[in-house]
Amino acid sequence: MFVLAVIVNIAFTQPTATLKIGTIYDPLPDTILVPVTCEAIDNPLTGNNLISSLGWYIAYHTSVLYAGEPGTPATFLNIHPGFSFLTNIVADNPLQGWNTILIICEYSAEIFPGEKYLDIQFTYSTGSSDLVWTGLEPFFTNMTDDEGNEFYLTLIDGYVGPYITEVPELKTETTKIWFDNGNISFNTETGGEFILFSLYGQQVMSAPVHPGFNMIPVKDKYAIYLVRIVTNNKAITQKIFIQ
């Protein structure tokens, strides 16, 4: 299990939101409900929390969880009043053995921190699976406000399976990633690994991370990449434009 923070549209004037997939420890083999919640939301551009559209992609391991057959809708329960969702299950995305639930908002409303968007119904068998925010080429998980402004999103992955010992999160408010003069730079409290992916999940390069300030040189320019930093089994991922 890890925290996945995907940062979309790097601009301090953008609306911001944190979305979280729930964690279910030690479930019995049976039907389970995994919540998707709004942990935080702020929109200085409109002054409200209205959502006009969203495209969410949530992946799970098919040997552990079953949400339905590919090409059919997933089952949602306890949907937030005012919201209506369209859904479809996509097979072998982002990898073979993983399916992705596509979630599109048909009707939307205002939502506040601590409120739930919906519960996703799964059948749990055995073992463990992360529930991972992902994308479907050429799209990635996104959300816009009532005026069409795209949210700067922090996305927290979920987990279903046996209890595991928690470790400190890699805090997004203190881990800023930036590109300057041919280098990707960031600070972390502990060591780990730096991984650079293409926008569609192909690994481009990796490098070790040490505690403190890190500066990783990159050769490619004029492209959008996903930068993932993993420390203590936690991860932060940021979409970054290298120019």
Protein backbone atom coordinates (compact mmCIF):
# COMPACT_ATOMS: atom_id res chain seq x y z
CA MET A 1 0.00 0.00 0.00
CA PHE A 2 1.28 3.46 -0.78
CA VAL A 3 0.22 7.06 -1.13
CA LEU A 4 0.07 8.18 -4.72
CA ALA A 5 0.01 11.93 -5.15
CA VAL A 6 -0.61 12.85 -8.76
CA ILE A 7 -0.24 16.54 -9.36
CA VAL A 8 -2.11 17.88 -12.35
CA ASN A 9 -1.56 21.41 -13.69
CA ILE A 10 1.27 22.88 -11.61
CA ALA A 11 -0.07 26.30 -10.66
CA PHE A 12 -0.80 27.76 -7.25
CA THR A 13 -3.97 29.44 -8.52
CA GLN A 14 -5.50 26.14 -9.56
CA PRO A 15 -8.25 24.53 -7.48
CA THR A 16 -6.93 21.66 -5.35
CA ALA A 17 -8.48 18.44 -4.06
CA THR A 18 -7.41 15.23 -2.35
CA LEU A 19 -9.21 12.01 -3.29
CA LYS A 20 -8.78 8.79 -1.32
CA ILE A 21 -9.58 5.15 -2.03
CA GLY A 22 -10.36 3.31 1.20
CA THR A 23 -8.34 0.56 2.88
CA ILE A 24 -9.96 -2.66 4.10
CA TYR A 25 -7.84 -4.80 6.43
CA ASP A 26 -8.39 -8.52 7.07
CA PRO A 27 -11.64 -8.93 5.11
CA LEU A 28 -13.42 -12.26 4.94
CA PRO A 29 -13.93 -13.84 1.51
CA ASP A 30 -17.19 -12.09 0.68
CA THR A 31 -18.66 -8.91 -0.78
CA ILE A 32 -16.88 -5.79 0.45
CA LEU A 33 -17.44 -2.05 -0.06
CA VAL A 34 -14.46 0.22 -0.69
CA PRO A 35 -15.17 3.94 -0.27
CA VAL A 36 -13.85 6.79 -2.41
CA THR A 37 -13.81 9.98 -0.35
CA CYS A 38 -13.03 13.67 -0.60
CA GLU A 39 -10.27 14.34 1.92
CA ALA A 40 -9.73 18.00 1.02
CA ILE A 41 -10.97 20.50 -1.56
CA ASP A 42 -10.32 24.19 -2.13
CA ASN A 43 -11.16 26.39 -5.09
CA PRO A 44 -9.95 30.01 -4.91
CA LEU A 45 -11.10 30.61 -8.48
CA THR A 46 -14.83 30.04 -7.91
CA GLY A 47 -15.20 30.15 -4.12
CA ASN A 48 -17.25 26.93 -4.09
CA ASN A 49 -16.71 23.16 -4.27
CA LEU A 50 -18.83 22.42 -7.32
CA ILE A 51 -17.59 19.64 -9.61
CA SER A 52 -18.62 19.74 -13.27
CA SER A 53 -16.82 16.69 -14.65
CA LEU A 54 -14.42 13.96 -13.68
CA GLY A 55 -12.70 10.98 -15.22
CA TRP A 56 -11.37 8.50 -12.67
CA TYR A 57 -9.45 5.30 -13.32
CA ILE A 58 -9.01 2.82 -10.44
CA ALA A 59 -7.03 -0.40 -11.00
CA TYR A 60 -7.15 -3.60 -8.93
CA HIS A 61 -5.60 -7.08 -9.13
CA THR A 62 -8.06 -9.57 -10.60
CA SER A 63 -6.70 -12.55 -8.65
CA VAL A 64 -7.78 -10.86 -5.42
CA LEU A 65 -10.80 -8.69 -6.26
CA TYR A 66 -13.74 -9.07 -8.64
CA ALA A 67 -15.86 -6.08 -9.65
CA GLY A 68 -17.57 -7.54 -12.72
CA GLU A 69 -16.77 -8.74 -16.20
CA PRO A 70 -14.75 -6.48 -18.53
CA GLY A 71 -17.04 -4.37 -20.66
CA THR A 72 -19.74 -4.24 -17.99
CA PRO A 73 -20.45 -1.61 -15.31
CA ALA A 74 -18.97 -1.84 -11.82
CA THR A 75 -21.45 -1.65 -8.93
CA PHE A 76 -21.54 1.58 -6.88
CA LEU A 77 -23.49 2.00 -3.64
CA ASN A 78 -24.11 4.88 -1.22
CA ILE A 79 -23.54 7.50 -3.92
CA HIS A 80 -23.27 11.11 -2.76
CA PRO A 81 -26.58 12.98 -3.31
CA GLY A 82 -26.51 14.97 -6.54
CA PHE A 83 -23.91 12.77 -8.23
CA SER A 84 -24.55 10.19 -10.93
CA PHE A 85 -21.77 8.08 -12.43
CA LEU A 86 -21.21 6.13 -15.62
CA THR A 87 -18.80 3.23 -15.33
CA ASN A 88 -17.11 0.48 -17.30
CA ILE A 89 -14.51 -2.20 -16.49
CA VAL A 90 -11.42 -2.31 -18.73
CA ALA A 91 -9.40 -5.55 -18.85
CA ASP A 92 -5.60 -5.78 -18.47
CA ASN A 93 -5.02 -2.11 -17.71
CA PRO A 94 -2.47 -0.83 -16.74
CA LEU A 95 -0.89 -4.32 -16.73
CA GLN A 96 -1.97 -7.86 -17.50
CA GLY A 97 -3.79 -9.28 -14.49
CA TRP A 98 -5.11 -5.88 -13.47
CA ASN A 99 -8.47 -4.42 -14.44
CA THR A 100 -9.39 -0.74 -14.33
CA ILE A 101 -12.75 0.73 -13.34
CA LEU A 102 -13.50 3.77 -15.47
CA ILE A 103 -15.70 6.30 -13.65
CA ILE A 104 -17.24 9.28 -15.43
CA CYS A 105 -19.51 11.82 -13.76
CA GLU A 106 -22.91 12.13 -15.46
CA TYR A 107 -24.40 14.57 -12.94
CA SER A 108 -22.44 16.42 -10.28
CA ALA A 109 -22.88 18.54 -7.19
CA GLU A 110 -20.92 20.29 -4.44
CA ILE A 111 -18.85 18.16 -2.08
CA PHE A 112 -17.00 18.96 1.15
CA PRO A 113 -13.98 17.48 2.97
CA GLY A 114 -14.79 14.24 4.75
CA GLU A 115 -17.69 13.35 2.48
CA LYS A 116 -17.91 10.19 0.40
CA TYR A 117 -18.40 10.12 -3.34
CA LEU A 118 -19.40 6.44 -3.47
CA ASP A 119 -18.65 2.88 -2.40
CA ILE A 120 -17.27 0.41 -4.96
CA GLN A 121 -18.56 -3.14 -4.51
CA PHE A 122 -16.01 -5.94 -4.88
CA THR A 123 -15.97 -9.66 -4.21
CA TYR A 124 -12.84 -10.48 -2.21
CA SER A 125 -11.25 -13.91 -2.48
CA THR A 126 -7.86 -14.11 -0.78
CA GLY A 127 -4.49 -12.35 -0.76
CA SER A 128 -3.93 -8.60 -1.09
CA SER A 129 -4.32 -5.95 -3.74
CA ASP A 130 -3.57 -2.26 -3.94
CA LEU A 131 -6.32 -0.14 -5.46
CA VAL A 132 -4.38 2.25 -7.65
CA TRP A 133 -5.30 5.53 -9.30
CA THR A 134 -4.26 5.16 -12.92
CA GLY A 135 -5.24 6.15 -16.46
CA LEU A 136 -6.32 4.83 -19.84
CA GLU A 137 -4.21 6.10 -22.73
CA PRO A 138 -4.31 8.96 -23.53
CA PHE A 139 -6.22 9.98 -20.37
CA PHE A 140 -5.22 10.15 -16.70
CA THR A 141 -7.40 10.61 -13.61
CA ASN A 142 -8.75 14.17 -13.67
CA MET A 143 -11.45 16.45 -12.28
CA THR A 144 -12.72 19.93 -13.21
CA ASP A 145 -14.78 22.55 -11.42
CA ASP A 146 -18.07 24.11 -12.49
CA GLU A 147 -16.25 26.57 -14.77
CA GLY A 148 -14.02 23.97 -16.41
CA ASN A 149 -10.85 24.63 -14.38
CA GLU A 150 -8.82 21.47 -13.80
CA PHE A 151 -8.03 20.47 -10.22
CA TYR A 152 -4.51 19.98 -8.87
CA LEU A 153 -5.11 16.50 -7.47
CA THR A 154 -3.54 14.53 -4.68
CA LEU A 155 -4.64 10.90 -5.07
CA ILE A 156 -4.30 8.39 -2.24
CA ASP A 157 -4.33 4.72 -3.19
CA GLY A 158 -6.28 2.07 -1.30
CA TYR A 159 -5.55 -1.49 -0.17
CA VAL A 160 -7.49 -4.67 0.52
CA GLY A 161 -5.89 -7.60 2.32
CA PRO A 162 -4.13 -8.66 5.51
CA TYR A 163 -3.08 -5.95 7.94
CA ILE A 164 0.35 -4.48 7.30
CA THR A 165 2.39 -2.24 9.56
CA GLU A 166 1.92 1.39 8.64
CA VAL A 167 4.95 3.54 7.87
CA PRO A 168 5.10 7.36 7.80
CA GLU A 169 3.66 8.93 4.68
CA LEU A 170 5.81 10.78 2.20
CA LYS A 171 4.19 14.15 2.76
CA THR A 172 3.25 16.02 -0.38
CA GLU A 173 3.31 19.39 1.36
CA THR A 174 7.02 19.02 2.11
CA THR A 175 8.09 17.03 -0.95
CA LYS A 176 8.11 19.42 -3.90
CA ILE A 177 9.46 18.23 -7.23
CA TRP A 178 10.68 20.72 -9.82
CA PHE A 179 12.64 20.86 -13.06
CA ASP A 180 15.37 23.43 -13.67
CA ASN A 181 18.45 23.59 -15.89
CA GLY A 182 18.29 19.96 -16.99
CA ASN A 183 17.74 18.54 -13.49
CA ILE A 184 14.76 17.23 -11.54
CA SER A 185 15.20 18.38 -7.93
CA PHE A 186 13.46 17.50 -4.66
CA ASN A 187 13.98 17.02 -0.91
CA THR A 188 13.16 13.88 1.09
CA GLU A 189 13.66 12.91 4.73
CA THR A 190 14.77 9.36 3.92
CA GLY A 191 16.51 7.52 1.11
CA GLY A 192 14.76 5.54 -1.60
CA GLU A 193 14.40 5.40 -5.35
CA PHE A 194 13.67 7.92 -8.12
CA ILE A 195 11.81 6.57 -11.18
CA LEU A 196 10.94 8.50 -14.34
CA PHE A 197 8.01 7.18 -16.41
CA SER A 198 6.48 8.22 -19.69
CA LEU A 199 2.95 9.54 -19.35
CA TYR A 200 1.62 6.07 -20.20
CA GLY A 201 3.65 4.08 -17.71
CA GLN A 202 6.85 3.11 -19.54
CA GLN A 203 9.91 3.43 -17.28
CA VAL A 204 12.49 5.80 -18.74
CA MET A 205 15.16 5.81 -16.02
CA SER A 206 15.74 5.29 -12.29
CA ALA A 207 18.26 6.51 -9.72
CA PRO A 208 18.88 6.11 -5.98
CA VAL A 209 17.55 8.76 -3.60
CA HIS A 210 19.42 9.88 -0.48
CA PRO A 211 18.09 11.85 2.52
CA GLY A 212 18.06 15.61 1.96
CA PHE A 213 18.36 17.48 -1.32
CA ASN A 214 18.49 15.42 -4.54
CA MET A 215 19.21 16.62 -8.07
CA ILE A 216 18.73 14.10 -10.90
CA PRO A 217 19.96 15.05 -14.42
CA VAL A 218 17.67 14.15 -17.32
CA LYS A 219 18.48 14.29 -21.02
CA ASP A 220 15.09 14.42 -22.73
CA LYS A 221 13.35 17.76 -23.13
CA TYR A 222 9.98 19.09 -24.25
CA ALA A 223 7.99 16.16 -22.92
CA ILE A 224 5.60 15.36 -20.07
CA TYR A 225 6.68 12.66 -17.62
CA LEU A 226 5.52 11.08 -14.38
CA VAL A 227 8.15 11.39 -11.66
CA ARG A 228 7.80 8.85 -8.84
CA ILE A 229 9.83 8.99 -5.64
CA VAL A 230 9.54 5.94 -3.38
CA THR A 231 10.77 5.98 0.24
CA ASN A 232 9.80 3.65 3.12
CA ASN A 233 7.30 1.84 0.87
CA LYS A 234 5.49 5.13 0.27
CA ALA A 235 5.41 7.02 -3.00
CA ILE A 236 4.67 10.42 -4.44
CA THR A 237 4.11 10.79 -8.17
CA GLN A 238 4.00 14.11 -9.98
CA LYS A 239 3.25 14.94 -13.59
CA ILE A 240 6.04 17.27 -14.76
CA PHE A 241 6.84 19.08 -18.00
CA ILE A 242 10.52 18.92 -18.92
CA GLN A 243 11.55 21.77 -21.19
